[in-house]
Structures are given as structure tokens and as C-alpha cells.
C-alpha atoms as a PDB file:
ATOM      1  CA  MET A   1       7.809 -50.801 -59.139  1.00  0.00           C
ATOM      2  CA  PHE A   2       6.599 -49.662 -55.749  1.00  0.00           C
ATOM      3  CA  LYS A   3       9.065 -49.101 -52.825  1.00  0.00           C
ATOM      4  CA  THR A   4       8.124 -50.509 -49.545  1.00  0.00           C
ATOM      5  CA  SER A   5       7.194 -47.081 -48.083  1.00  0.00           C
ATOM      6  CA  SER A   6       5.085 -46.318 -51.147  1.00  0.00           C
ATOM      7  CA  LEU A   7       3.249 -49.685 -50.833  1.00  0.00           C
ATOM      8  CA  ILE A   8       2.609 -48.943 -47.106  1.00  0.00           C
ATOM      9  CA  ILE A   9       1.162 -45.525 -47.859  1.00  0.00           C
ATOM     10  CA  ALA A  10      -1.001 -46.887 -50.651  1.00  0.00           C
ATOM     11  CA  LEU A  11      -2.354 -49.799 -48.549  1.00  0.00           C
ATOM     12  CA  SER A  12      -2.921 -47.506 -45.498  1.00  0.00           C
ATOM     13  CA  LEU A  13      -4.870 -45.062 -47.612  1.00  0.00           C
ATOM     14  CA  PHE A  14      -6.924 -47.926 -49.190  1.00  0.00           C
ATOM     15  CA  ALA A  15      -7.752 -49.410 -45.787  1.00  0.00           C
ATOM     16  CA  GLY A  16      -8.621 -46.005 -44.283  1.00  0.00           C
ATOM     17  CA  ILE A  17      -5.794 -46.227 -41.835  1.00  0.00           C
ATOM     18  CA  SER A  18      -3.733 -43.022 -40.865  1.00  0.00           C
ATOM     19  CA  LEU A  19      -0.213 -43.128 -41.856  1.00  0.00           C
ATOM     20  CA  ALA A  20       0.914 -42.706 -38.230  1.00  0.00           C
ATOM     21  CA  GLN A  21      -1.036 -45.800 -37.201  1.00  0.00           C
ATOM     22  CA  ALA A  22       0.433 -47.838 -40.219  1.00  0.00           C
ATOM     23  CA  ALA A  23       3.977 -46.879 -39.165  1.00  0.00           C
ATOM     24  CA  GLU A  24       3.450 -47.783 -35.469  1.00  0.00           C
ATOM     25  CA  ARG A  25       4.905 -51.085 -34.492  1.00  0.00           C
ATOM     26  CA  VAL A  26       3.602 -52.691 -31.427  1.00  0.00           C
ATOM     27  CA  GLU A  27       5.955 -55.332 -29.703  1.00  0.00           C
ATOM     28  CA  VAL A  28       4.014 -57.652 -27.414  1.00  0.00           C
ATOM     29  CA  PHE A  29       5.617 -59.784 -24.836  1.00  0.00           C
ATOM     30  CA  LYS A  30       3.273 -62.646 -23.823  1.00  0.00           C
ATOM     31  CA  SER A  31       3.087 -66.232 -22.676  1.00  0.00           C
ATOM     32  CA  PRO A  32       3.046 -68.749 -25.655  1.00  0.00           C
ATOM     33  CA  TYR A  33       0.014 -70.445 -23.973  1.00  0.00           C
ATOM     34  CA  CYS A  34      -2.276 -67.392 -23.558  1.00  0.00           C
ATOM     35  CA  GLY A  35      -5.334 -67.284 -25.984  1.00  0.00           C
ATOM     36  CA  CYS A  36      -6.714 -63.903 -24.774  1.00  0.00           C
ATOM     37  CA  CYS A  37      -3.280 -62.263 -25.652  1.00  0.00           C
ATOM     38  CA  GLU A  38      -3.706 -63.510 -29.179  1.00  0.00           C
ATOM     39  CA  LYS A  39      -7.205 -62.015 -29.317  1.00  0.00           C
ATOM     40  CA  TRP A  40      -5.809 -58.695 -28.145  1.00  0.00           C
ATOM     41  CA  VAL A  41      -3.048 -58.854 -30.766  1.00  0.00           C
ATOM     42  CA  GLU A  42      -5.737 -59.379 -33.399  1.00  0.00           C
ATOM     43  CA  HIS A  43      -7.695 -56.487 -32.012  1.00  0.00           C
ATOM     44  CA  MET A  44      -4.638 -54.204 -32.443  1.00  0.00           C
ATOM     45  CA  ARG A  45      -3.973 -55.474 -35.989  1.00  0.00           C
ATOM     46  CA  LYS A  46      -7.566 -54.849 -37.013  1.00  0.00           C
ATOM     47  CA  ALA A  47      -7.003 -51.239 -35.733  1.00  0.00           C
ATOM     48  CA  GLY A  48      -4.165 -50.952 -38.116  1.00  0.00           C
ATOM     49  CA  PHE A  49      -1.103 -51.469 -35.980  1.00  0.00           C
ATOM     50  CA  ASP A  50       1.926 -53.602 -37.057  1.00  0.00           C
ATOM     51  CA  VAL A  51       2.101 -56.032 -34.247  1.00  0.00           C
ATOM     52  CA  VAL A  52       5.077 -58.298 -33.542  1.00  0.00           C
ATOM     53  CA  THR A  53       4.686 -60.859 -30.787  1.00  0.00           C
ATOM     54  CA  LYS A  54       7.461 -62.288 -28.645  1.00  0.00           C
ATOM     55  CA  ASP A  55       6.674 -65.384 -26.577  1.00  0.00           C
ATOM     56  CA  VAL A  56       8.318 -65.218 -23.167  1.00  0.00           C
ATOM     57  CA  ASN A  57       8.264 -67.535 -20.176  1.00  0.00           C
ATOM     58  CA  ASP A  58       8.311 -64.737 -17.638  1.00  0.00           C
ATOM     59  CA  VAL A  59       5.891 -61.897 -18.414  1.00  0.00           C
ATOM     60  CA  PRO A  60       6.430 -60.159 -15.053  1.00  0.00           C
ATOM     61  CA  ALA A  61      10.164 -59.896 -15.859  1.00  0.00           C
ATOM     62  CA  ALA A  62       9.287 -58.358 -19.324  1.00  0.00           C
ATOM     63  CA  ARG A  63       6.977 -55.978 -17.694  1.00  0.00           C
ATOM     64  CA  LYS A  64       9.701 -54.941 -15.195  1.00  0.00           C
ATOM     65  CA  ALA A  65      12.286 -54.574 -17.963  1.00  0.00           C
ATOM     66  CA  ALA A  66       9.844 -52.308 -19.827  1.00  0.00           C
ATOM     67  CA  GLY A  67       9.390 -50.036 -16.738  1.00  0.00           C
ATOM     68  CA  MET A  68       5.729 -50.923 -15.858  1.00  0.00           C
ATOM     69  CA  PRO A  69       5.187 -51.222 -12.118  1.00  0.00           C
ATOM     70  CA  GLU A  70       3.973 -54.759 -11.104  1.00  0.00           C
ATOM     71  CA  ARG A  71       0.796 -53.498  -9.491  1.00  0.00           C
ATOM     72  CA  PHE A  72      -0.552 -52.585 -12.982  1.00  0.00           C
ATOM     73  CA  GLY A  73       0.142 -56.074 -14.184  1.00  0.00           C
ATOM     74  CA  SER A  74      -1.812 -58.165 -16.660  1.00  0.00           C
ATOM     75  CA  CYS A  75      -1.210 -61.133 -18.902  1.00  0.00           C
ATOM     76  CA  HIS A  76       0.891 -59.379 -21.564  1.00  0.00           C
ATOM     77  CA  THR A  77       3.093 -56.227 -21.892  1.00  0.00           C
ATOM     78  CA  ALA A  78       3.535 -54.178 -25.055  1.00  0.00           C
ATOM     79  CA  LYS A  79       5.838 -51.384 -26.261  1.00  0.00           C
ATOM     80  CA  VAL A  80       4.731 -48.805 -28.811  1.00  0.00           C
ATOM     81  CA  GLY A  81       5.953 -45.430 -29.687  1.00  0.00           C
ATOM     82  CA  GLY A  82       8.203 -45.097 -26.655  1.00  0.00           C
ATOM     83  CA  TYR A  83       5.342 -46.156 -24.286  1.00  0.00           C
ATOM     84  CA  VAL A  84       4.458 -49.410 -22.380  1.00  0.00           C
ATOM     85  CA  VAL A  85       0.921 -50.681 -22.811  1.00  0.00           C
ATOM     86  CA  GLU A  86      -0.108 -53.245 -20.123  1.00  0.00           C
ATOM     87  CA  GLY A  87      -2.950 -55.657 -20.643  1.00  0.00           C
ATOM     88  CA  HIS A  88      -6.137 -55.511 -22.604  1.00  0.00           C
ATOM     89  CA  VAL A  89      -6.025 -51.759 -23.385  1.00  0.00           C
ATOM     90  CA  PRO A  90      -8.360 -50.744 -26.304  1.00  0.00           C
ATOM     91  CA  ALA A  91      -6.642 -49.751 -29.490  1.00  0.00           C
ATOM     92  CA  ALA A  92      -8.527 -46.429 -29.434  1.00  0.00           C
ATOM     93  CA  ASP A  93      -6.875 -45.720 -26.145  1.00  0.00           C
ATOM     94  CA  VAL A  94      -3.433 -46.478 -27.611  1.00  0.00           C
ATOM     95  CA  GLN A  95      -4.209 -44.265 -30.647  1.00  0.00           C
ATOM     96  CA  ARG A  96      -5.110 -41.368 -28.337  1.00  0.00           C
ATOM     97  CA  LEU A  97      -1.985 -41.829 -26.277  1.00  0.00           C
ATOM     98  CA  LEU A  98       0.155 -41.751 -29.496  1.00  0.00           C
ATOM     99  CA  LYS A  99      -1.792 -38.635 -30.695  1.00  0.00           C
ATOM    100  CA  GLU A 100      -1.552 -36.701 -27.338  1.00  0.00           C
ATOM    101  CA  LYS A 101       1.925 -37.775 -26.394  1.00  0.00           C
ATOM    102  CA  PRO A 102       1.683 -37.171 -22.552  1.00  0.00           C
ATOM    103  CA  LYS A 103       4.797 -37.548 -20.389  1.00  0.00           C
ATOM    104  CA  ALA A 104       4.148 -41.012 -18.922  1.00  0.00           C
ATOM    105  CA  VAL A 105       5.347 -44.578 -18.814  1.00  0.00           C
ATOM    106  CA  GLY A 106       2.222 -45.614 -20.667  1.00  0.00           C
ATOM    107  CA  LEU A 107      -1.181 -47.215 -20.283  1.00  0.00           C
ATOM    108  CA  ALA A 108      -2.504 -50.080 -18.213  1.00  0.00           C
ATOM    109  CA  ALA A 109      -5.759 -52.005 -17.911  1.00  0.00           C
ATOM    110  CA  PRO A 110      -4.721 -53.933 -14.765  1.00  0.00           C
ATOM    111  CA  GLY A 111      -5.893 -57.540 -14.392  1.00  0.00           C
ATOM    112  CA  MET A 112      -7.902 -58.989 -17.056  1.00  0.00           C
ATOM    113  CA  PRO A 113     -11.195 -56.972 -17.208  1.00  0.00           C
ATOM    114  CA  GLN A 114     -14.109 -58.954 -18.675  1.00  0.00           C
ATOM    115  CA  GLY A 115     -15.332 -57.254 -21.884  1.00  0.00           C
ATOM    116  CA  SER A 116     -12.049 -55.600 -22.719  1.00  0.00           C
ATOM    117  CA  PRO A 117     -10.552 -56.331 -26.153  1.00  0.00           C
ATOM    118  CA  GLY A 118      -9.423 -60.010 -26.084  1.00  0.00           C
ATOM    119  CA  MET A 119     -11.542 -60.699 -22.995  1.00  0.00           C
ATOM    120  CA  GLU A 120     -15.062 -60.357 -24.693  1.00  0.00           C
ATOM    121  CA  THR A 121     -17.891 -61.934 -22.659  1.00  0.00           C
ATOM    122  CA  ASN A 122     -21.727 -61.761 -22.298  1.00  0.00           C
ATOM    123  CA  HIS A 123     -21.126 -60.198 -18.955  1.00  0.00           C
ATOM    124  CA  PRO A 124     -18.703 -57.175 -19.434  1.00  0.00           C
ATOM    125  CA  GLN A 125     -17.558 -55.235 -16.388  1.00  0.00           C
ATOM    126  CA  ALA A 126     -16.731 -51.553 -16.218  1.00  0.00           C
ATOM    127  CA  TYR A 127     -12.976 -50.848 -16.241  1.00  0.00           C
ATOM    128  CA  ASP A 128     -10.534 -47.878 -16.526  1.00  0.00           C
ATOM    129  CA  THR A 129      -7.523 -47.560 -18.700  1.00  0.00           C
ATOM    130  CA  LEU A 130      -4.963 -45.889 -16.520  1.00  0.00           C
ATOM    131  CA  LEU A 131      -2.149 -43.384 -17.513  1.00  0.00           C
ATOM    132  CA  VAL A 132       0.798 -44.628 -15.495  1.00  0.00           C
ATOM    133  CA  GLN A 133       3.439 -41.930 -14.516  1.00  0.00           C
ATOM    134  CA  ALA A 134       7.193 -42.383 -14.005  1.00  0.00           C
ATOM    135  CA  ASP A 135       6.756 -42.145 -10.268  1.00  0.00           C
ATOM    136  CA  GLY A 136       4.340 -45.011 -10.154  1.00  0.00           C
ATOM    137  CA  SER A 137       1.199 -43.000  -9.729  1.00  0.00           C
ATOM    138  CA  SER A 138      -1.683 -43.178 -12.047  1.00  0.00           C
ATOM    139  CA  LYS A 139      -4.776 -41.474 -13.255  1.00  0.00           C
ATOM    140  CA  VAL A 140      -7.789 -42.463 -15.300  1.00  0.00           C
ATOM    141  CA  PHE A 141      -7.150 -41.986 -18.966  1.00  0.00           C
ATOM    142  CA  ALA A 142     -10.386 -43.592 -20.233  1.00  0.00           C
ATOM    143  CA  LYS A 143     -13.533 -45.267 -18.693  1.00  0.00           C
ATOM    144  CA  HIS A 144     -15.002 -48.269 -20.428  1.00  0.00           C
END
């Protein structure tokens, strides 16, 4: 009989997912009425993350409680590996964040950039994923 951890390892290896990814739980705070948030959640699950959603009526309050400055706001806020992820940040950026472990609050894709995960469109726009620092400053982490 497999123990739960053995089963996770076996399934992760079978799916080609790293063990670090398989163990990472993403907690997403979102409006119960937002379809693009659900699409981002699916994007993260397909990348191998264990995603748990929490429907909230006040996403800005959840963002504030998580420590992400309002000026980086989007339609959902997530927590993973001790970081905050704001908005439609690509899973590859989150994976890089967890691998590099920079000293930061987390990542943000402010607003709702067209063409980002969950916001797919025929007319994508260029956007940046920002690394947000504890002092509220930011720098470009990835260009898309």
C-alpha cells in the first residue's frame, strides 16, 4: 500500500513534474464571480501546482493582508512558498521565483494584461512581471 507521499512522488515523476513543484501549494484569494481567475488557476494546475481557491468578497483586503501594495493590484492574490503572487503571473515566473528565492514580497502582473495566463486573446499586449520588494519598490522580473 502506498503512503500519500510515495503516491505524490510516483505521480509527479510519471507526469514529469519536479518534486518541488508537486509539493508547492498555491492558495488563491479571488472573487467567486471571476472567470479569468479560474482560468489562471487552471494554468497553475497544469504547471503542476497544488492550487486551493478561497472565494472572498473583498480581494483588495486579501491583497493588503498578504502584504502586496495596492498599486500592484489585479483581480486575484495568491500565496505560495512564503511569497505573494498578484494577478496573472505565468507559472514559469512563479517556478523561477521559488527556485531563485530572492528576498522580496513576491511577484505581480498589475492590472489584467491581455494575453497573460487566464487572459488569453487574439490581441495580446506586452507586459512585465514585477518583483515587488518589502519597501514597495519593484523591478522587472520577466518580460512577456
